[in-house]
Structure formats: C-alpha cells, structure tokens
Amino acid sequence: MREFEQRLRAQGFGGVTLQTGAHAPPRSFYLALGYQLIDLMALGKSLNGKA
C-alpha cells in the first residue's frame, strides 16, 4: 500500500479516498495505515426493481 501511495504522490495526486463498510474488516487495516474517517455519505438506488 505504501508503494502505491508513493507512486500516486510521484504522479501528482494529493490524496486517496477509500470506501468500505462501517464494520468491514478492511476498515481497521486502512485506519492502521493512517487513513482517517471523513464526513461522506454514499447513497444508492436500484433502477431494475430489485432492492
């Protein structure tokens, strides 16, 4: 992950935004790497009649 971040930084990217579930196992992994919670909301809607 650190190498990926370094490559992005070298290409001029200023940050990374990740999306995962509030209780998903990857959440603690990313928090341990220094990622912080940000105030975003994700919404979705099915257009084919399924929930």
C-alpha atoms as a PDB file:
ATOM      1  CA  MET A   1       0.000   0.000   0.000  1.00  0.00           C
ATOM      2  CA  ARG A   2       2.824   2.392   0.822  1.00  0.00           C
ATOM      3  CA  GLU A   3       4.362   1.809  -2.622  1.00  0.00           C
ATOM      4  CA  PHE A   4       1.001   2.526  -4.238  1.00  0.00           C
ATOM      5  CA  GLU A   5       0.735   5.785  -2.258  1.00  0.00           C
ATOM      6  CA  GLN A   6       4.278   6.779  -3.239  1.00  0.00           C
ATOM      7  CA  ARG A   7       3.526   6.176  -6.923  1.00  0.00           C
ATOM      8  CA  LEU A   8       0.385   8.287  -6.726  1.00  0.00           C
ATOM      9  CA  ARG A   9       2.274  11.076  -4.931  1.00  0.00           C
ATOM     10  CA  ALA A  10       5.027  10.977  -7.600  1.00  0.00           C
ATOM     11  CA  GLN A  11       2.353  11.404 -10.290  1.00  0.00           C
ATOM     12  CA  GLY A  12       0.980  14.497  -8.567  1.00  0.00           C
ATOM     13  CA  PHE A  13      -2.016  13.073  -6.725  1.00  0.00           C
ATOM     14  CA  GLY A  14      -2.720  14.872  -3.461  1.00  0.00           C
ATOM     15  CA  GLY A  15      -4.767  12.240  -1.654  1.00  0.00           C
ATOM     16  CA  VAL A  16      -6.687   8.988  -1.694  1.00  0.00           C
ATOM     17  CA  THR A  17     -10.337   8.405  -0.810  1.00  0.00           C
ATOM     18  CA  LEU A  18     -11.411   4.860   0.058  1.00  0.00           C
ATOM     19  CA  GLN A  19     -14.890   3.476   0.619  1.00  0.00           C
ATOM     20  CA  THR A  20     -15.675   0.437   2.783  1.00  0.00           C
ATOM     21  CA  GLY A  21     -18.428  -0.686   5.130  1.00  0.00           C
ATOM     22  CA  ALA A  22     -18.517   0.683   8.669  1.00  0.00           C
ATOM     23  CA  HIS A  23     -17.908  -2.778  10.154  1.00  0.00           C
ATOM     24  CA  ALA A  24     -15.990  -4.383   7.280  1.00  0.00           C
ATOM     25  CA  PRO A  25     -12.631  -5.988   8.164  1.00  0.00           C
ATOM     26  CA  PRO A  26     -10.645  -3.736   5.755  1.00  0.00           C
ATOM     27  CA  ARG A  27     -11.643  -0.683   7.788  1.00  0.00           C
ATOM     28  CA  SER A  28      -9.199  -1.428  10.616  1.00  0.00           C
ATOM     29  CA  PHE A  29      -6.462  -2.204   8.058  1.00  0.00           C
ATOM     30  CA  TYR A  30      -6.768   1.238   6.475  1.00  0.00           C
ATOM     31  CA  LEU A  31      -7.078   3.012   9.829  1.00  0.00           C
ATOM     32  CA  ALA A  32      -3.810   1.352  10.893  1.00  0.00           C
ATOM     33  CA  LEU A  33      -2.152   2.789   7.755  1.00  0.00           C
ATOM     34  CA  GLY A  34      -3.098   6.316   8.804  1.00  0.00           C
ATOM     35  CA  TYR A  35      -6.313   6.763   6.851  1.00  0.00           C
ATOM     36  CA  GLN A  36      -8.916   8.815   8.708  1.00  0.00           C
ATOM     37  CA  LEU A  37     -12.682   8.856   8.640  1.00  0.00           C
ATOM     38  CA  ILE A  38     -14.131  11.699   6.578  1.00  0.00           C
ATOM     39  CA  ASP A  39     -17.660  13.020   6.503  1.00  0.00           C
ATOM     40  CA  LEU A  40     -19.177  11.468   3.367  1.00  0.00           C
ATOM     41  CA  MET A  41     -22.440   9.737   2.662  1.00  0.00           C
ATOM     42  CA  ALA A  42     -22.978   7.110  -0.023  1.00  0.00           C
ATOM     43  CA  LEU A  43     -26.438   6.592  -1.444  1.00  0.00           C
ATOM     44  CA  GLY A  44     -27.686   4.080  -3.971  1.00  0.00           C
ATOM     45  CA  LYS A  45     -30.872   3.223  -5.782  1.00  0.00           C
ATOM     46  CA  SER A  46     -31.756   0.189  -7.847  1.00  0.00           C
ATOM     47  CA  LEU A  47     -33.320   1.037 -11.178  1.00  0.00           C
ATOM     48  CA  ASN A  48     -34.369  -2.503 -12.062  1.00  0.00           C
ATOM     49  CA  GLY A  49     -36.993  -3.027  -9.324  1.00  0.00           C
ATOM     50  CA  LYS A  50     -34.763  -5.094  -7.045  1.00  0.00           C
ATOM     51  CA  ALA A  51     -33.838  -3.976  -3.547  1.00  0.00           C
END
